[in-house]
Amino acid sequence: MQEFQVVDAAELAAAFVAARYVVRVDGDAIALEVGAPAVDLEAYCANRSYGYITAWNPASRPVPGTANAEASARLRARLESFDLELHPATSSDASGQWIEEGWLAAGIDRDVLDTLAVEFGQAGVLFWEHGEPVRLRMSVAAPDGAPDLPCVDWDCGRHWPGED
């Protein structure tokens, strides 16, 4: 399990909301947007729920490519153990610079996704139920004075080391 400290959680959440998310299904690249329904993706793979998670750069700190690849392989194995429909995905910052590989897990339970976020040191993951807008689930508490960001849920990682 990763120890996790965010210098500016509100800034990080805003960056995650603005990020680009793309899922690859049957050779097509389908974009996701936090706060919007994922109609195109849901047409390809109908399920009750969906989650996007990466294992790259735990605690939002860059690590070498080999460490990211190893973490991603461990995450894929964990996701496969839940017998989920998996599709490769990528995310990047709004400028397309900070790129991370991840997975769309169709049929994942929200609590399982939150647990995996903590296990793999991720500050935020995406989760939504069929027909609902994509939501960002932050594993940390909202800082004092954080702006109200629609479709952002805070304090979803209640099991971080050292937290009650």
C-alpha atoms as a PDB file:
ATOM      1  CA  MET A   1       0.000   0.000   0.000  1.00  0.00           C
ATOM      2  CA  GLN A   2       1.318   3.448  -0.881  1.00  0.00           C
ATOM      3  CA  GLU A   3       1.771   6.265   1.604  1.00  0.00           C
ATOM      4  CA  PHE A   4       0.069   9.277   0.127  1.00  0.00           C
ATOM      5  CA  GLN A   5       0.427  12.994   0.733  1.00  0.00           C
ATOM      6  CA  VAL A   6      -1.031  15.630  -1.535  1.00  0.00           C
ATOM      7  CA  VAL A   7       0.434  19.108  -1.372  1.00  0.00           C
ATOM      8  CA  ASP A   8      -2.618  20.741  -2.954  1.00  0.00           C
ATOM      9  CA  ALA A   9      -5.519  18.305  -3.224  1.00  0.00           C
ATOM     10  CA  ALA A  10      -7.877  20.930  -4.654  1.00  0.00           C
ATOM     11  CA  GLU A  11      -5.443  21.739  -7.464  1.00  0.00           C
ATOM     12  CA  LEU A  12      -4.927  18.033  -8.150  1.00  0.00           C
ATOM     13  CA  ALA A  13      -8.697  17.397  -8.284  1.00  0.00           C
ATOM     14  CA  ALA A  14      -9.131  20.297 -10.719  1.00  0.00           C
ATOM     15  CA  ALA A  15      -6.384  18.819 -12.907  1.00  0.00           C
ATOM     16  CA  PHE A  16      -8.074  15.406 -12.843  1.00  0.00           C
ATOM     17  CA  VAL A  17     -11.400  16.996 -13.842  1.00  0.00           C
ATOM     18  CA  ALA A  18      -9.708  18.764 -16.760  1.00  0.00           C
ATOM     19  CA  ALA A  19      -7.687  15.707 -17.827  1.00  0.00           C
ATOM     20  CA  ARG A  20      -8.238  13.752 -21.027  1.00  0.00           C
ATOM     21  CA  TYR A  21      -9.404  10.151 -20.652  1.00  0.00           C
ATOM     22  CA  VAL A  22      -9.563   7.742 -23.594  1.00  0.00           C
ATOM     23  CA  VAL A  23     -10.744   4.121 -23.553  1.00  0.00           C
ATOM     24  CA  ARG A  24      -9.943   1.697 -26.380  1.00  0.00           C
ATOM     25  CA  VAL A  25     -12.785  -0.693 -27.249  1.00  0.00           C
ATOM     26  CA  ASP A  26     -12.733  -2.887 -30.364  1.00  0.00           C
ATOM     27  CA  GLY A  27     -10.132  -0.645 -32.011  1.00  0.00           C
ATOM     28  CA  ASP A  28     -12.033   2.579 -31.342  1.00  0.00           C
ATOM     29  CA  ALA A  29     -10.830   5.354 -29.025  1.00  0.00           C
ATOM     30  CA  ILE A  30     -13.664   6.680 -26.889  1.00  0.00           C
ATOM     31  CA  ALA A  31     -13.232   9.850 -24.838  1.00  0.00           C
ATOM     32  CA  LEU A  32     -14.557  10.242 -21.296  1.00  0.00           C
ATOM     33  CA  GLU A  33     -15.234  13.540 -19.565  1.00  0.00           C
ATOM     34  CA  VAL A  34     -15.714  14.041 -15.844  1.00  0.00           C
ATOM     35  CA  GLY A  35     -19.211  15.410 -15.286  1.00  0.00           C
ATOM     36  CA  ALA A  36     -20.678  14.089 -18.539  1.00  0.00           C
ATOM     37  CA  PRO A  37     -22.465  10.816 -19.264  1.00  0.00           C
ATOM     38  CA  ALA A  38     -20.366   8.266 -21.175  1.00  0.00           C
ATOM     39  CA  VAL A  39     -23.018   7.483 -23.790  1.00  0.00           C
ATOM     40  CA  ASP A  40     -20.624   6.308 -26.517  1.00  0.00           C
ATOM     41  CA  LEU A  41     -18.674   4.022 -24.194  1.00  0.00           C
ATOM     42  CA  GLU A  42     -21.816   2.579 -22.649  1.00  0.00           C
ATOM     43  CA  ALA A  43     -23.115   1.762 -26.153  1.00  0.00           C
ATOM     44  CA  TYR A  44     -20.008  -0.384 -26.716  1.00  0.00           C
ATOM     45  CA  CYS A  45     -19.990  -2.153 -23.384  1.00  0.00           C
ATOM     46  CA  ALA A  46     -23.266  -2.050 -21.501  1.00  0.00           C
ATOM     47  CA  ASN A  47     -22.796  -2.763 -17.809  1.00  0.00           C
ATOM     48  CA  ARG A  48     -24.149  -1.556 -14.480  1.00  0.00           C
ATOM     49  CA  SER A  49     -21.048   0.398 -13.460  1.00  0.00           C
ATOM     50  CA  TYR A  50     -17.682   1.561 -14.735  1.00  0.00           C
ATOM     51  CA  GLY A  51     -14.360   2.597 -13.248  1.00  0.00           C
ATOM     52  CA  TYR A  52     -11.141   4.030 -14.615  1.00  0.00           C
ATOM     53  CA  ILE A  53      -7.953   3.413 -12.664  1.00  0.00           C
ATOM     54  CA  THR A  54      -4.238   3.556 -13.302  1.00  0.00           C
ATOM     55  CA  ALA A  55      -1.317   2.308 -11.242  1.00  0.00           C
ATOM     56  CA  TRP A  56       1.131   4.784 -12.750  1.00  0.00           C
ATOM     57  CA  ASN A  57       2.965   7.409 -10.718  1.00  0.00           C
ATOM     58  CA  PRO A  58       1.656   6.541  -7.243  1.00  0.00           C
ATOM     59  CA  ALA A  59       1.051   9.540  -4.998  1.00  0.00           C
ATOM     60  CA  SER A  60       1.158  11.677  -8.175  1.00  0.00           C
ATOM     61  CA  ARG A  61       4.946  11.471  -8.202  1.00  0.00           C
ATOM     62  CA  PRO A  62       6.764  10.457 -11.390  1.00  0.00           C
ATOM     63  CA  VAL A  63       8.468   7.059 -11.241  1.00  0.00           C
ATOM     64  CA  PRO A  64      10.560   5.259 -13.880  1.00  0.00           C
ATOM     65  CA  GLY A  65       8.738   3.591 -16.759  1.00  0.00           C
ATOM     66  CA  THR A  66       9.687   0.103 -15.583  1.00  0.00           C
ATOM     67  CA  ALA A  67       8.104   0.717 -12.172  1.00  0.00           C
ATOM     68  CA  ASN A  68       4.947   2.006 -13.861  1.00  0.00           C
ATOM     69  CA  ALA A  69       4.814  -1.051 -16.140  1.00  0.00           C
ATOM     70  CA  GLU A  70       5.238  -3.425 -13.192  1.00  0.00           C
ATOM     71  CA  ALA A  71       2.560  -1.629 -11.168  1.00  0.00           C
ATOM     72  CA  SER A  72       0.214  -1.682 -14.158  1.00  0.00           C
ATOM     73  CA  ALA A  73       0.708  -5.443 -14.556  1.00  0.00           C
ATOM     74  CA  ARG A  74      -0.100  -5.960 -10.861  1.00  0.00           C
ATOM     75  CA  LEU A  75      -3.206  -3.798 -11.203  1.00  0.00           C
ATOM     76  CA  ARG A  76      -4.374  -5.727 -14.255  1.00  0.00           C
ATOM     77  CA  ALA A  77      -3.953  -9.003 -12.368  1.00  0.00           C
ATOM     78  CA  ARG A  78      -5.977  -7.625  -9.443  1.00  0.00           C
ATOM     79  CA  LEU A  79      -8.731  -6.418 -11.793  1.00  0.00           C
ATOM     80  CA  GLU A  80      -8.794  -9.772 -13.600  1.00  0.00           C
ATOM     81  CA  SER A  81      -9.290 -11.521 -10.246  1.00  0.00           C
ATOM     82  CA  PHE A  82     -12.706  -9.812 -10.047  1.00  0.00           C
ATOM     83  CA  ASP A  83     -13.743 -11.198 -13.457  1.00  0.00           C
ATOM     84  CA  LEU A  84     -14.462  -7.755 -14.914  1.00  0.00           C
ATOM     85  CA  GLU A  85     -14.719  -6.600 -18.511  1.00  0.00           C
ATOM     86  CA  LEU A  86     -11.428  -4.725 -18.990  1.00  0.00           C
ATOM     87  CA  HIS A  87     -10.414  -2.265 -21.682  1.00  0.00           C
ATOM     88  CA  PRO A  88      -7.067  -0.440 -21.972  1.00  0.00           C
ATOM     89  CA  ALA A  89      -7.264   3.273 -21.360  1.00  0.00           C
ATOM     90  CA  THR A  90      -5.030   6.299 -21.075  1.00  0.00           C
ATOM     91  CA  SER A  91      -5.232   9.606 -19.331  1.00  0.00           C
ATOM     92  CA  SER A  92      -3.237  12.763 -19.767  1.00  0.00           C
ATOM     93  CA  ASP A  93      -3.259  16.283 -18.480  1.00  0.00           C
ATOM     94  CA  ALA A  94      -5.187  18.837 -20.513  1.00  0.00           C
ATOM     95  CA  SER A  95      -2.068  19.663 -22.557  1.00  0.00           C
ATOM     96  CA  GLY A  96      -1.421  15.981 -23.340  1.00  0.00           C
ATOM     97  CA  GLN A  97       1.905  15.944 -21.497  1.00  0.00           C
ATOM     98  CA  TRP A  98       1.442  13.835 -18.339  1.00  0.00           C
ATOM     99  CA  ILE A  99       0.337  10.507 -19.861  1.00  0.00           C
ATOM    100  CA  GLU A 100      -0.626   7.439 -17.860  1.00  0.00           C
ATOM    101  CA  GLU A 101      -1.876   4.037 -18.963  1.00  0.00           C
ATOM    102  CA  GLY A 102      -4.759   2.505 -17.082  1.00  0.00           C
ATOM    103  CA  TRP A 103      -7.850   0.363 -17.308  1.00  0.00           C
ATOM    104  CA  LEU A 104     -11.552   0.784 -17.722  1.00  0.00           C
ATOM    105  CA  ALA A 105     -13.204  -1.878 -15.556  1.00  0.00           C
ATOM    106  CA  ALA A 106     -16.837  -2.429 -16.556  1.00  0.00           C
ATOM    107  CA  GLY A 107     -18.941  -3.968 -13.796  1.00  0.00           C
ATOM    108  CA  ILE A 108     -16.639  -2.930 -10.948  1.00  0.00           C
ATOM    109  CA  ASP A 109     -18.058  -2.239  -7.513  1.00  0.00           C
ATOM    110  CA  ARG A 110     -17.418   1.304  -6.244  1.00  0.00           C
ATOM    111  CA  ASP A 111     -15.942   0.094  -2.937  1.00  0.00           C
ATOM    112  CA  VAL A 112     -13.604  -2.306  -4.744  1.00  0.00           C
ATOM    113  CA  LEU A 113     -12.425   0.556  -6.953  1.00  0.00           C
ATOM    114  CA  ASP A 114     -11.819   2.776  -3.913  1.00  0.00           C
ATOM    115  CA  THR A 115      -9.842  -0.019  -2.244  1.00  0.00           C
ATOM    116  CA  LEU A 116      -7.716  -0.530  -5.354  1.00  0.00           C
ATOM    117  CA  ALA A 117      -7.063   3.214  -5.537  1.00  0.00           C
ATOM    118  CA  VAL A 118      -5.618   3.097  -2.035  1.00  0.00           C
ATOM    119  CA  GLU A 119      -3.702  -0.118  -2.711  1.00  0.00           C
ATOM    120  CA  PHE A 120      -2.045   1.386  -5.796  1.00  0.00           C
ATOM    121  CA  GLY A 121      -1.472   4.877  -4.346  1.00  0.00           C
ATOM    122  CA  GLN A 122      -3.910   6.737  -6.569  1.00  0.00           C
ATOM    123  CA  ALA A 123      -5.284  10.097  -5.450  1.00  0.00           C
ATOM    124  CA  GLY A 124      -8.269   9.819  -7.767  1.00  0.00           C
ATOM    125  CA  VAL A 125     -10.208   7.370  -9.916  1.00  0.00           C
ATOM    126  CA  LEU A 126     -13.277   7.686 -12.100  1.00  0.00           C
ATOM    127  CA  PHE A 127     -16.513   5.863 -11.317  1.00  0.00           C
ATOM    128  CA  TRP A 128     -20.062   6.048 -12.595  1.00  0.00           C
ATOM    129  CA  GLU A 129     -23.160   3.960 -12.950  1.00  0.00           C
ATOM    130  CA  HIS A 130     -24.782   3.317 -16.328  1.00  0.00           C
ATOM    131  CA  GLY A 131     -26.532   6.443 -17.617  1.00  0.00           C
ATOM    132  CA  GLU A 132     -25.067   8.717 -14.950  1.00  0.00           C
ATOM    133  CA  PRO A 133     -22.288  11.320 -15.353  1.00  0.00           C
ATOM    134  CA  VAL A 134     -18.676  10.256 -14.859  1.00  0.00           C
ATOM    135  CA  ARG A 135     -17.531  11.155 -11.332  1.00  0.00           C
ATOM    136  CA  LEU A 136     -14.064  11.746  -9.909  1.00  0.00           C
ATOM    137  CA  ARG A 137     -13.525   9.969  -6.598  1.00  0.00           C
ATOM    138  CA  MET A 138     -10.658  11.515  -4.622  1.00  0.00           C
ATOM    139  CA  SER A 139      -8.982   9.298  -2.038  1.00  0.00           C
ATOM    140  CA  VAL A 140      -8.232  12.260   0.206  1.00  0.00           C
ATOM    141  CA  ALA A 141     -10.414  14.678   2.147  1.00  0.00           C
ATOM    142  CA  ALA A 142     -11.344  18.012   0.611  1.00  0.00           C
ATOM    143  CA  PRO A 143      -8.985  20.691   1.896  1.00  0.00           C
ATOM    144  CA  ASP A 144     -10.387  23.706   3.704  1.00  0.00           C
ATOM    145  CA  GLY A 145     -11.530  26.292   1.192  1.00  0.00           C
ATOM    146  CA  ALA A 146     -11.576  23.846  -1.721  1.00  0.00           C
ATOM    147  CA  PRO A 147     -13.815  25.057  -4.535  1.00  0.00           C
ATOM    148  CA  ASP A 148     -17.006  23.123  -5.120  1.00  0.00           C
ATOM    149  CA  LEU A 149     -16.197  20.925  -8.091  1.00  0.00           C
ATOM    150  CA  PRO A 150     -19.274  19.253  -9.550  1.00  0.00           C
ATOM    151  CA  CYS A 151     -19.011  15.487  -9.939  1.00  0.00           C
ATOM    152  CA  VAL A 152     -16.143  15.197  -7.430  1.00  0.00           C
ATOM    153  CA  ASP A 153     -16.471  12.970  -4.375  1.00  0.00           C
ATOM    154  CA  TRP A 154     -13.916  13.504  -1.612  1.00  0.00           C
ATOM    155  CA  ASP A 155     -12.519  11.240   1.103  1.00  0.00           C
ATOM    156  CA  CYS A 156     -13.237   7.993  -0.745  1.00  0.00           C
ATOM    157  CA  GLY A 157     -10.000   6.351   0.431  1.00  0.00           C
ATOM    158  CA  ARG A 158     -10.798   5.967   4.102  1.00  0.00           C
ATOM    159  CA  HIS A 159      -8.015   3.446   4.591  1.00  0.00           C
ATOM    160  CA  TRP A 160      -4.896   5.474   3.922  1.00  0.00           C
ATOM    161  CA  PRO A 161      -2.041   4.615   6.266  1.00  0.00           C
ATOM    162  CA  GLY A 162      -2.105   6.760   9.381  1.00  0.00           C
ATOM    163  CA  GLU A 163      -5.693   7.921   8.924  1.00  0.00           C
ATOM    164  CA  ASP A 164      -8.566   6.907  11.136  1.00  0.00           C
END
